[in-house]
Structure formats: structure tokens, C-alpha cells
Amino acid sequence: MAKTGTWIYDAETQTMMPKGLFLQRKHEARERSRSALPRPAVFGSMPPIKSMADGKIYDTKGEYYRSVARAGCEIVGYDKNWTDYVGQPYNEKKHEAEIVADVKKSIEQVSSL
């Protein structure tokens, strides 16, 4: 039998096979792995977020969405780069240390006059 046409190496079976057969097997494997559901249910995690509707912090999407709905608001659109606009949570100890350093510097400046 002459081997004409395009052949592809299948890593699973570790054999050479015709391109048509290779593609058919890949298609069948993909069809078997699909769900009967219209789309997958993906519940991703999110960092804690402060709701502008009630001022509380939520760490799950469901709770956040329910709080927004309770306040009579709605969420519109989705910003793919939303993490660019979220700052670090307020760290009281860090800011307190900065204030103390500023006060010490001011005292040194005034005492040097």
C-alpha cells in the first residue's frame, strides 16, 4: 500500500496516520468532552470589594450582586481592566507610621531654626 497524501504523527498512539483520520479523531474527542449545557457555569473568585451601594466589603460575587440589587442599583458592563482601578486596602499602621515620620521631620525642621 502506497503512503500518499499528508500524514501526521499522533503522540497518543505514537503512530503515523493520515491527516483526515487524525483530524476526525481529534474532533470526536472534542465532541465527547463537551457538556450538554448551553455554556459552562464558571464562578471565579474575586478580591474583596467595597460596595458603593451600601459601603460594606464583599468577597464573593453573589453577595456583592445581591447587595447592589437590594439597594435598587444594577451592574452594567464589564471592564476587563478593573484591577487597574482597585487600590490596596487601607493600612492604618502604615499610614500611622508615615504620620509619625512627618511629625518628627517637622519638629526637626522647626528646632533647627
N, C-alpha and C. Protein backbone atom coordinates (compact mmCIF):
# COMPACT_ATOMS: atom_id res chain seq x y z
N MET A 1 0.85 -1.17 0.00
CA MET A 1 0.00 0.00 0.00
C MET A 1 0.90 1.24 0.00
N ALA A 2 0.62 2.12 -0.94
CA ALA A 2 1.42 3.34 -1.04
C ALA A 2 0.92 4.38 -0.05
N LYS A 3 1.86 5.04 0.60
CA LYS A 3 1.51 6.08 1.57
C LYS A 3 1.57 7.42 0.87
N THR A 4 0.42 7.85 0.33
CA THR A 4 0.36 9.14 -0.34
C THR A 4 -0.51 10.08 0.48
N GLY A 5 -0.36 11.36 0.25
CA GLY A 5 -1.14 12.35 0.98
C GLY A 5 -0.37 12.84 2.19
N THR A 6 -1.06 13.55 3.04
CA THR A 6 -0.44 14.13 4.23
C THR A 6 -0.64 13.21 5.42
N TRP A 7 0.45 12.95 6.11
CA TRP A 7 0.42 12.09 7.29
C TRP A 7 0.85 12.92 8.50
N ILE A 8 0.27 12.58 9.65
CA ILE A 8 0.58 13.31 10.88
C ILE A 8 0.95 12.29 11.96
N TYR A 9 1.91 12.67 12.78
CA TYR A 9 2.31 11.81 13.90
C TYR A 9 1.36 12.07 15.06
N ASP A 10 0.71 11.00 15.53
CA ASP A 10 -0.20 11.10 16.67
C ASP A 10 0.57 10.71 17.92
N ALA A 11 0.72 11.66 18.83
CA ALA A 11 1.52 11.43 20.03
C ALA A 11 0.82 10.45 20.98
N GLU A 12 -0.51 10.40 20.96
CA GLU A 12 -1.23 9.48 21.85
C GLU A 12 -0.98 8.02 21.47
N THR A 13 -1.15 7.73 20.19
CA THR A 13 -0.95 6.34 19.73
C THR A 13 0.48 6.08 19.30
N GLN A 14 1.26 7.14 19.19
CA GLN A 14 2.66 7.07 18.76
C GLN A 14 2.81 6.38 17.41
N THR A 15 1.93 6.77 16.49
CA THR A 15 1.97 6.23 15.13
C THR A 15 1.72 7.35 14.14
N MET A 16 2.07 7.09 12.90
CA MET A 16 1.76 8.00 11.81
C MET A 16 0.38 7.63 11.28
N MET A 17 -0.45 8.62 10.99
CA MET A 17 -1.77 8.34 10.43
C MET A 17 -2.14 9.42 9.44
N PRO A 18 -3.06 9.10 8.52
CA PRO A 18 -3.48 10.10 7.54
C PRO A 18 -4.08 11.32 8.23
N LYS A 19 -3.87 12.49 7.65
CA LYS A 19 -4.33 13.73 8.24
C LYS A 19 -5.84 13.72 8.48
N GLY A 20 -6.60 13.19 7.55
CA GLY A 20 -8.06 13.14 7.68
C GLY A 20 -8.48 12.33 8.88
N LEU A 21 -7.87 11.17 9.08
CA LEU A 21 -8.20 10.31 10.22
C LEU A 21 -7.79 10.99 11.53
N PHE A 22 -6.62 11.63 11.54
CA PHE A 22 -6.14 12.33 12.73
C PHE A 22 -7.13 13.42 13.14
N LEU A 23 -7.55 14.25 12.17
CA LEU A 23 -8.48 15.33 12.46
C LEU A 23 -9.84 14.81 12.90
N GLN A 24 -10.28 13.70 12.30
CA GLN A 24 -11.56 13.11 12.69
C GLN A 24 -11.51 12.63 14.14
N ARG A 25 -10.43 11.98 14.54
CA ARG A 25 -10.30 11.52 15.93
C ARG A 25 -10.26 12.69 16.91
N LYS A 26 -9.54 13.75 16.56
CA LYS A 26 -9.49 14.92 17.43
C LYS A 26 -10.87 15.55 17.58
N HIS A 27 -11.64 15.60 16.48
CA HIS A 27 -12.99 16.17 16.51
C HIS A 27 -13.90 15.32 17.40
N GLU A 28 -13.82 14.01 17.26
CA GLU A 28 -14.65 13.11 18.08
C GLU A 28 -14.30 13.25 19.56
N ALA A 29 -13.03 13.37 19.87
CA ALA A 29 -12.61 13.53 21.27
C ALA A 29 -13.13 14.85 21.84
N ARG A 30 -13.11 15.89 21.03
CA ARG A 30 -13.60 17.19 21.47
C ARG A 30 -15.12 17.13 21.70
N GLU A 31 -15.84 16.46 20.82
CA GLU A 31 -17.30 16.34 20.97
C GLU A 31 -17.65 15.57 22.24
N ARG A 32 -16.88 14.52 22.57
CA ARG A 32 -17.15 13.74 23.78
C ARG A 32 -16.91 14.56 25.04
N SER A 33 -15.98 15.50 24.98
CA SER A 33 -15.65 16.27 26.17
C SER A 33 -16.61 17.43 26.41
N ARG A 34 -17.47 17.73 25.46
CA ARG A 34 -18.40 18.83 25.62
C ARG A 34 -19.57 18.45 26.51
N SER A 35 -20.10 19.43 27.20
CA SER A 35 -21.24 19.24 28.07
C SER A 35 -22.53 19.47 27.28
N ALA A 36 -23.64 18.97 27.79
CA ALA A 36 -24.93 19.19 27.16
C ALA A 36 -25.48 20.58 27.53
N LEU A 37 -24.83 21.25 28.49
CA LEU A 37 -25.29 22.57 28.90
C LEU A 37 -24.96 23.60 27.81
N PRO A 38 -25.76 24.67 27.72
CA PRO A 38 -25.50 25.66 26.68
C PRO A 38 -24.20 26.43 26.88
N ARG A 39 -23.76 26.58 28.11
CA ARG A 39 -22.49 27.26 28.41
C ARG A 39 -22.02 26.79 29.78
N PRO A 40 -20.74 26.85 30.03
CA PRO A 40 -20.25 26.39 31.33
C PRO A 40 -20.61 27.36 32.45
N ALA A 41 -20.81 26.84 33.63
CA ALA A 41 -21.04 27.68 34.81
C ALA A 41 -19.70 27.91 35.47
N VAL A 42 -19.17 29.11 35.36
CA VAL A 42 -17.88 29.44 35.92
C VAL A 42 -18.08 30.46 37.03
N PHE A 43 -17.67 30.11 38.21
CA PHE A 43 -17.76 31.01 39.35
C PHE A 43 -16.35 31.31 39.80
N GLY A 44 -15.82 32.40 39.32
CA GLY A 44 -14.45 32.77 39.66
C GLY A 44 -14.40 33.49 41.00
N SER A 45 -13.27 33.47 41.60
CA SER A 45 -13.10 34.18 42.86
C SER A 45 -12.75 35.63 42.56
N MET A 46 -12.93 36.47 43.54
CA MET A 46 -12.59 37.87 43.36
C MET A 46 -12.01 38.40 44.66
N PRO A 47 -11.18 39.41 44.56
CA PRO A 47 -10.65 40.01 45.79
C PRO A 47 -11.77 40.76 46.51
N PRO A 48 -11.64 40.99 47.79
CA PRO A 48 -12.69 41.74 48.49
C PRO A 48 -12.90 43.10 47.84
N ILE A 49 -14.17 43.48 47.71
CA ILE A 49 -14.51 44.74 47.06
C ILE A 49 -15.53 45.49 47.91
N LYS A 50 -15.37 46.78 47.98
CA LYS A 50 -16.29 47.62 48.74
C LYS A 50 -17.44 48.03 47.83
N SER A 51 -18.65 47.77 48.28
CA SER A 51 -19.83 48.13 47.51
C SER A 51 -20.11 49.61 47.67
N MET A 52 -20.25 50.29 46.56
CA MET A 52 -20.58 51.71 46.61
C MET A 52 -22.05 51.90 46.97
N ALA A 53 -22.85 50.85 46.89
CA ALA A 53 -24.27 50.95 47.20
C ALA A 53 -24.52 51.01 48.71
N ASP A 54 -23.81 50.18 49.49
CA ASP A 54 -24.06 50.17 50.93
C ASP A 54 -22.80 50.35 51.78
N GLY A 55 -21.63 50.44 51.18
CA GLY A 55 -20.40 50.70 51.91
C GLY A 55 -19.77 49.50 52.58
N LYS A 56 -20.37 48.32 52.43
CA LYS A 56 -19.81 47.11 53.05
C LYS A 56 -18.84 46.45 52.09
N ILE A 57 -17.97 45.60 52.66
CA ILE A 57 -16.99 44.88 51.85
C ILE A 57 -17.48 43.47 51.62
N TYR A 58 -17.43 43.03 50.35
CA TYR A 58 -17.88 41.69 49.96
C TYR A 58 -16.73 40.95 49.30
N ASP A 59 -16.65 39.63 49.56
CA ASP A 59 -15.59 38.84 48.94
C ASP A 59 -16.13 37.74 48.04
N THR A 60 -17.43 37.72 47.81
CA THR A 60 -18.00 36.80 46.82
C THR A 60 -18.89 37.59 45.87
N LYS A 61 -18.91 37.16 44.62
CA LYS A 61 -19.70 37.87 43.62
C LYS A 61 -21.18 37.84 43.93
N GLY A 62 -21.66 36.68 44.38
CA GLY A 62 -23.09 36.55 44.66
C GLY A 62 -23.56 37.54 45.72
N GLU A 63 -22.83 37.64 46.81
CA GLU A 63 -23.20 38.57 47.87
C GLU A 63 -23.15 40.01 47.36
N TYR A 64 -22.12 40.32 46.59
CA TYR A 64 -21.98 41.67 46.06
C TYR A 64 -23.15 42.01 45.14
N TYR A 65 -23.47 41.10 44.21
CA TYR A 65 -24.58 41.35 43.28
C TYR A 65 -25.90 41.52 44.02
N ARG A 66 -26.14 40.69 45.05
CA ARG A 66 -27.38 40.80 45.83
C ARG A 66 -27.44 42.14 46.57
N SER A 67 -26.32 42.60 47.11
CA SER A 67 -26.33 43.87 47.84
C SER A 67 -26.63 45.03 46.89
N VAL A 68 -26.09 44.97 45.68
CA VAL A 68 -26.35 46.02 44.71
C VAL A 68 -27.82 46.02 44.32
N ALA A 69 -28.38 44.83 44.12
CA ALA A 69 -29.80 44.72 43.77
C ALA A 69 -30.69 45.21 44.90
N ARG A 70 -30.34 44.90 46.16
CA ARG A 70 -31.12 45.35 47.32
C ARG A 70 -31.16 46.87 47.40
N ALA A 71 -30.08 47.51 46.99
CA ALA A 71 -30.00 48.97 47.03
C ALA A 71 -30.74 49.61 45.86
N GLY A 72 -31.31 48.80 44.97
CA GLY A 72 -32.05 49.33 43.83
C GLY A 72 -31.16 49.74 42.68
N CYS A 73 -29.92 49.27 42.68
CA CYS A 73 -28.99 49.61 41.60
C CYS A 73 -28.80 48.39 40.71
N GLU A 74 -28.07 48.58 39.64
CA GLU A 74 -27.74 47.45 38.78
C GLU A 74 -26.33 47.59 38.25
N ILE A 75 -25.72 46.47 37.96
CA ILE A 75 -24.36 46.44 37.44
C ILE A 75 -24.44 46.38 35.93
N VAL A 76 -23.80 47.32 35.26
CA VAL A 76 -23.83 47.35 33.80
C VAL A 76 -22.42 47.25 33.27
N GLY A 77 -22.26 46.48 32.21
CA GLY A 77 -20.96 46.36 31.57
C GLY A 77 -19.96 45.58 32.40
N TYR A 78 -18.83 45.37 31.80
CA TYR A 78 -17.74 44.68 32.47
C TYR A 78 -16.44 45.28 31.95
N ASP A 79 -15.63 45.75 32.85
CA ASP A 79 -14.35 46.33 32.49
C ASP A 79 -13.28 45.27 32.66
N LYS A 80 -12.66 44.84 31.57
CA LYS A 80 -11.65 43.79 31.66
C LYS A 80 -10.47 44.23 32.51
N ASN A 81 -10.21 45.51 32.60
CA ASN A 81 -9.05 46.01 33.34
C ASN A 81 -9.46 46.58 34.69
N TRP A 82 -10.48 46.02 35.31
CA TRP A 82 -10.98 46.58 36.56
C TRP A 82 -9.94 46.55 37.67
N THR A 83 -8.99 45.63 37.61
CA THR A 83 -7.98 45.57 38.67
C THR A 83 -7.03 46.77 38.62
N ASP A 84 -6.97 47.47 37.46
CA ASP A 84 -6.13 48.66 37.36
C ASP A 84 -6.65 49.80 38.22
N TYR A 85 -7.94 49.78 38.54
CA TYR A 85 -8.55 50.89 39.27
C TYR A 85 -8.76 50.59 40.75
N VAL A 86 -8.44 49.38 41.17
CA VAL A 86 -8.64 49.00 42.57
C VAL A 86 -7.33 49.18 43.31
N GLY A 87 -7.36 50.02 44.32
CA GLY A 87 -6.15 50.28 45.10
C GLY A 87 -5.98 49.24 46.21
N GLN A 88 -4.88 49.35 46.90
CA GLN A 88 -4.62 48.47 48.03
C GLN A 88 -5.54 48.86 49.18
N PRO A 89 -5.94 47.90 50.00
CA PRO A 89 -6.78 48.23 51.15
C PRO A 89 -6.04 49.18 52.09
N TYR A 90 -6.79 50.00 52.79
CA TYR A 90 -6.22 50.98 53.70
C TYR A 90 -5.49 50.26 54.83
N ASN A 91 -4.23 50.60 55.03
CA ASN A 91 -3.42 50.00 56.07
C ASN A 91 -3.15 51.07 57.13
N GLU A 92 -3.89 51.00 58.23
CA GLU A 92 -3.82 52.04 59.26
C GLU A 92 -2.43 52.15 59.87
N LYS A 93 -1.77 51.02 60.12
CA LYS A 93 -0.44 51.05 60.73
C LYS A 93 0.58 51.73 59.82
N LYS A 94 0.49 51.46 58.53
CA LYS A 94 1.43 52.06 57.58
C LYS A 94 1.24 53.58 57.55
N HIS A 95 -0.01 54.02 57.49
CA HIS A 95 -0.27 55.46 57.43
C HIS A 95 0.08 56.14 58.76
N GLU A 96 -0.13 55.44 59.85
CA GLU A 96 0.23 55.99 61.16
C GLU A 96 1.74 56.21 61.23
N ALA A 97 2.50 55.25 60.71
CA ALA A 97 3.96 55.36 60.71
C ALA A 97 4.40 56.54 59.84
N GLU A 98 3.72 56.76 58.71
CA GLU A 98 4.06 57.88 57.85
C GLU A 98 3.77 59.21 58.55
N ILE A 99 2.67 59.28 59.28
CA ILE A 99 2.32 60.50 60.01
C ILE A 99 3.37 60.79 61.08
N VAL A 100 3.75 59.75 61.83
CA VAL A 100 4.77 59.92 62.87
C VAL A 100 6.07 60.42 62.26
N ALA A 101 6.46 59.86 61.13
CA ALA A 101 7.70 60.29 60.47
C ALA A 101 7.59 61.75 60.03
N ASP A 102 6.43 62.15 59.49
CA ASP A 102 6.24 63.54 59.07
C ASP A 102 6.31 64.50 60.26
N VAL A 103 5.71 64.11 61.38
CA VAL A 103 5.73 64.97 62.57
C VAL A 103 7.17 65.12 63.09
N LYS A 104 7.93 64.03 63.13
CA LYS A 104 9.32 64.09 63.59
C LYS A 104 10.14 64.99 62.67
N LYS A 105 9.93 64.88 61.37
CA LYS A 105 10.66 65.71 60.43
C LYS A 105 10.31 67.19 60.63
N SER A 106 9.04 67.47 60.85
CA SER A 106 8.61 68.85 61.09
C SER A 106 9.23 69.42 62.36
N ILE A 107 9.28 68.62 63.42
CA ILE A 107 9.88 69.06 64.69
C ILE A 107 11.36 69.36 64.49
N GLU A 108 12.07 68.51 63.74
CA GLU A 108 13.49 68.74 63.47
C GLU A 108 13.70 70.03 62.69
N GLN A 109 12.82 70.28 61.71
CA GLN A 109 12.96 71.49 60.90
C GLN A 109 12.71 72.74 61.75
N VAL A 110 11.69 72.69 62.61
CA VAL A 110 11.36 73.86 63.44
C VAL A 110 12.46 74.06 64.49
N SER A 111 12.98 73.01 65.08
CA SER A 111 14.00 73.15 66.12
C SER A 111 15.36 73.60 65.55
N SER A 112 15.58 73.40 64.28
CA SER A 112 16.86 73.82 63.68
C SER A 112 16.88 75.32 63.35
N LEU A 113 15.72 75.98 63.43
CA LEU A 113 15.67 77.42 63.13
C LEU A 113 16.26 78.25 64.19
